[in-house]
C-alpha atoms as a PDB file:
ATOM      1  CA  MET A   1      88.971 126.831 133.146  1.00  0.00           C
ATOM      2  CA  ASP A   2      92.371 125.656 131.997  1.00  0.00           C
ATOM      3  CA  ARG A   3      94.078 126.952 128.888  1.00  0.00           C
ATOM      4  CA  LYS A   4      93.680 123.691 126.990  1.00  0.00           C
ATOM      5  CA  GLY A   5      89.861 123.705 127.337  1.00  0.00           C
ATOM      6  CA  LEU A   6      89.598 127.339 126.330  1.00  0.00           C
ATOM      7  CA  SER A   7      91.589 126.901 123.118  1.00  0.00           C
ATOM      8  CA  HIS A   8      89.449 123.907 122.163  1.00  0.00           C
ATOM      9  CA  ILE A   9      86.271 125.986 122.512  1.00  0.00           C
ATOM     10  CA  GLU A  10      87.757 128.882 120.550  1.00  0.00           C
ATOM     11  CA  LEU A  11      88.955 126.532 117.818  1.00  0.00           C
ATOM     12  CA  SER A  12      85.537 124.947 117.354  1.00  0.00           C
ATOM     13  CA  ILE A  13      83.830 128.353 117.165  1.00  0.00           C
ATOM     14  CA  VAL A  14      86.327 129.497 114.525  1.00  0.00           C
ATOM     15  CA  MET A  15      85.787 126.245 112.613  1.00  0.00           C
ATOM     16  CA  TYR A  16      81.993 126.741 112.621  1.00  0.00           C
ATOM     17  CA  ILE A  17      82.335 130.349 111.478  1.00  0.00           C
ATOM     18  CA  LEU A  18      84.659 129.321 108.642  1.00  0.00           C
ATOM     19  CA  LEU A  19      82.346 126.511 107.522  1.00  0.00           C
ATOM     20  CA  ILE A  20      79.302 128.789 107.517  1.00  0.00           C
ATOM     21  CA  GLY A  21      81.258 131.517 105.714  1.00  0.00           C
ATOM     22  CA  SER A  22      82.413 129.078 103.060  1.00  0.00           C
ATOM     23  CA  ALA A  23      78.817 127.862 102.639  1.00  0.00           C
ATOM     24  CA  LEU A  24      77.673 131.450 102.068  1.00  0.00           C
ATOM     25  CA  ILE A  25      80.363 132.058  99.467  1.00  0.00           C
ATOM     26  CA  MET A  26      79.894 128.721  97.746  1.00  0.00           C
ATOM     27  CA  GLY A  27      76.110 128.955  97.720  1.00  0.00           C
ATOM     28  CA  ALA A  28      76.209 132.394  96.133  1.00  0.00           C
ATOM     29  CA  LEU A  29      78.762 131.389  93.507  1.00  0.00           C
ATOM     30  CA  SER A  30      76.886 128.174  92.701  1.00  0.00           C
ATOM     31  CA  ALA A  31      73.621 130.061  92.229  1.00  0.00           C
ATOM     32  CA  ILE A  32      75.262 132.652  89.971  1.00  0.00           C
ATOM     33  CA  ILE A  33      77.021 130.033  87.843  1.00  0.00           C
ATOM     34  CA  PHE A  34      73.856 127.931  87.613  1.00  0.00           C
ATOM     35  CA  MET A  35      71.735 130.891  86.503  1.00  0.00           C
ATOM     36  CA  ASN A  36      74.236 131.926  83.832  1.00  0.00           C
ATOM     37  CA  ILE A  37      74.530 128.422  82.407  1.00  0.00           C
ATOM     38  CA  TYR A  38      70.769 127.794  82.585  1.00  0.00           C
ATOM     39  CA  ARG A  39      70.074 130.980  80.611  1.00  0.00           C
ATOM     40  CA  LYS A  40      72.410 129.861  77.814  1.00  0.00           C
ATOM     41  CA  ASN A  41      71.507 126.156  77.627  1.00  0.00           C
ATOM     42  CA  LYS A  42      68.625 124.716  79.632  1.00  0.00           C
ATOM     43  CA  ARG A  43      69.687 121.083  79.252  1.00  0.00           C
ATOM     44  CA  VAL A  44      73.196 121.716  80.529  1.00  0.00           C
ATOM     45  CA  GLY A  45      71.771 123.956  83.248  1.00  0.00           C
ATOM     46  CA  VAL A  46      69.465 121.191  84.495  1.00  0.00           C
ATOM     47  CA  PHE A  47      72.400 118.759  84.486  1.00  0.00           C
ATOM     48  CA  LEU A  48      74.492 121.226  86.487  1.00  0.00           C
ATOM     49  CA  GLY A  49      71.584 121.782  88.873  1.00  0.00           C
ATOM     50  CA  VAL A  50      71.305 118.053  89.535  1.00  0.00           C
ATOM     51  CA  LEU A  51      75.056 117.824  90.147  1.00  0.00           C
ATOM     52  CA  LEU A  52      74.896 120.768  92.548  1.00  0.00           C
ATOM     53  CA  VAL A  53      71.995 119.227  94.487  1.00  0.00           C
ATOM     54  CA  LEU A  54      73.853 115.912  94.759  1.00  0.00           C
ATOM     55  CA  TRP A  55      76.984 117.727  95.905  1.00  0.00           C
ATOM     56  CA  PHE A  56      75.014 119.717  98.482  1.00  0.00           C
ATOM     57  CA  PHE A  57      73.461 116.529  99.875  1.00  0.00           C
ATOM     58  CA  TYR A  58      76.919 114.964 100.143  1.00  0.00           C
ATOM     59  CA  GLN A  59      78.086 118.073 101.964  1.00  0.00           C
ATOM     60  CA  MET A  60      75.089 117.891 104.317  1.00  0.00           C
ATOM     61  CA  PHE A  61      75.955 114.279 105.113  1.00  0.00           C
ATOM     62  CA  SER A  62      79.594 115.206 105.766  1.00  0.00           C
ATOM     63  CA  LEU A  63      78.665 118.180 107.947  1.00  0.00           C
ATOM     64  CA  SER A  64      76.153 116.136 109.939  1.00  0.00           C
ATOM     65  CA  THR A  65      79.043 113.991 111.186  1.00  0.00           C
ATOM     66  CA  ILE A  66      80.564 117.162 112.665  1.00  0.00           C
ATOM     67  CA  SER A  67      77.406 118.820 113.966  1.00  0.00           C
ATOM     68  CA  VAL A  68      73.731 118.473 113.061  1.00  0.00           C
ATOM     69  CA  PRO A  69      72.909 122.151 113.810  1.00  0.00           C
ATOM     70  CA  LEU A  70      75.796 123.172 111.531  1.00  0.00           C
ATOM     71  CA  ALA A  71      74.429 120.955 108.753  1.00  0.00           C
ATOM     72  CA  MET A  72      70.940 122.439 109.189  1.00  0.00           C
ATOM     73  CA  THR A  73      72.342 125.986 109.081  1.00  0.00           C
ATOM     74  CA  VAL A  74      74.207 125.272 105.851  1.00  0.00           C
ATOM     75  CA  PHE A  75      71.079 123.595 104.437  1.00  0.00           C
ATOM     76  CA  VAL A  76      69.059 126.754 105.112  1.00  0.00           C
ATOM     77  CA  ILE A  77      71.770 128.846 103.434  1.00  0.00           C
ATOM     78  CA  TYR A  78      71.724 126.651 100.308  1.00  0.00           C
ATOM     79  CA  LEU A  79      67.929 126.582 100.309  1.00  0.00           C
ATOM     80  CA  PHE A  80      67.868 130.394 100.435  1.00  0.00           C
ATOM     81  CA  PHE A  81      70.215 130.684  97.443  1.00  0.00           C
ATOM     82  CA  GLY A  82      68.265 128.031  95.529  1.00  0.00           C
ATOM     83  CA  ILE A  83      64.965 129.846  96.069  1.00  0.00           C
ATOM     84  CA  ALA A  84      66.577 133.171  95.147  1.00  0.00           C
ATOM     85  CA  ALA A  85      67.965 131.710  91.893  1.00  0.00           C
ATOM     86  CA  TYR A  86      64.593 130.163  91.032  1.00  0.00           C
ATOM     87  CA  ARG A  87      62.712 133.397  91.690  1.00  0.00           C
ATOM     88  CA  LYS A  88      65.228 135.410  89.638  1.00  0.00           C
ATOM     89  CA  LEU A  89      64.954 133.038  86.661  1.00  0.00           C
ATOM     90  CA  LYS A  90      61.146 132.977  86.954  1.00  0.00           C
ATOM     91  CA  ALA A  91      60.997 136.784  87.046  1.00  0.00           C
ATOM     92  CA  GLU A  92      63.070 136.886  83.857  1.00  0.00           C
ATOM     93  CA  GLY A  93      60.685 134.434  82.208  1.00  0.00           C
ATOM     94  CA  THR A  94      63.410 131.830  81.769  1.00  0.00           C
ATOM     95  CA  ILE A  95      61.566 129.246  83.885  1.00  0.00           C
ATOM     96  CA  GLY A  96      57.894 128.549  83.434  1.00  0.00           C
ATOM     97  CA  LEU A  97      55.294 127.415  80.974  1.00  0.00           C
ATOM     98  CA  LYS A  98      55.504 129.025  77.590  1.00  0.00           C
ATOM     99  CA  GLY A  99      52.196 129.419  75.908  1.00  0.00           C
END
């Protein structure tokens, strides 16, 4: 294999690792910020949640132009953080029916 082909493969692997790493960091920070805002003001928290979901879908669309498996991996990461935030807020009693 020539040097040019090898560097292209290494570059794409590094790019995928960086994109997945940034998704992990951004998903965690988004979930933390959302939970803190939702605890203080539910209306603003719901608005922020909708904006985050729209932004994540835009990011999925952008990543799918690069690689569909990459987009699916990032989707699973965001889904994990979304479920974790929901379960944390539900365990605290912040989300749910009050009766």
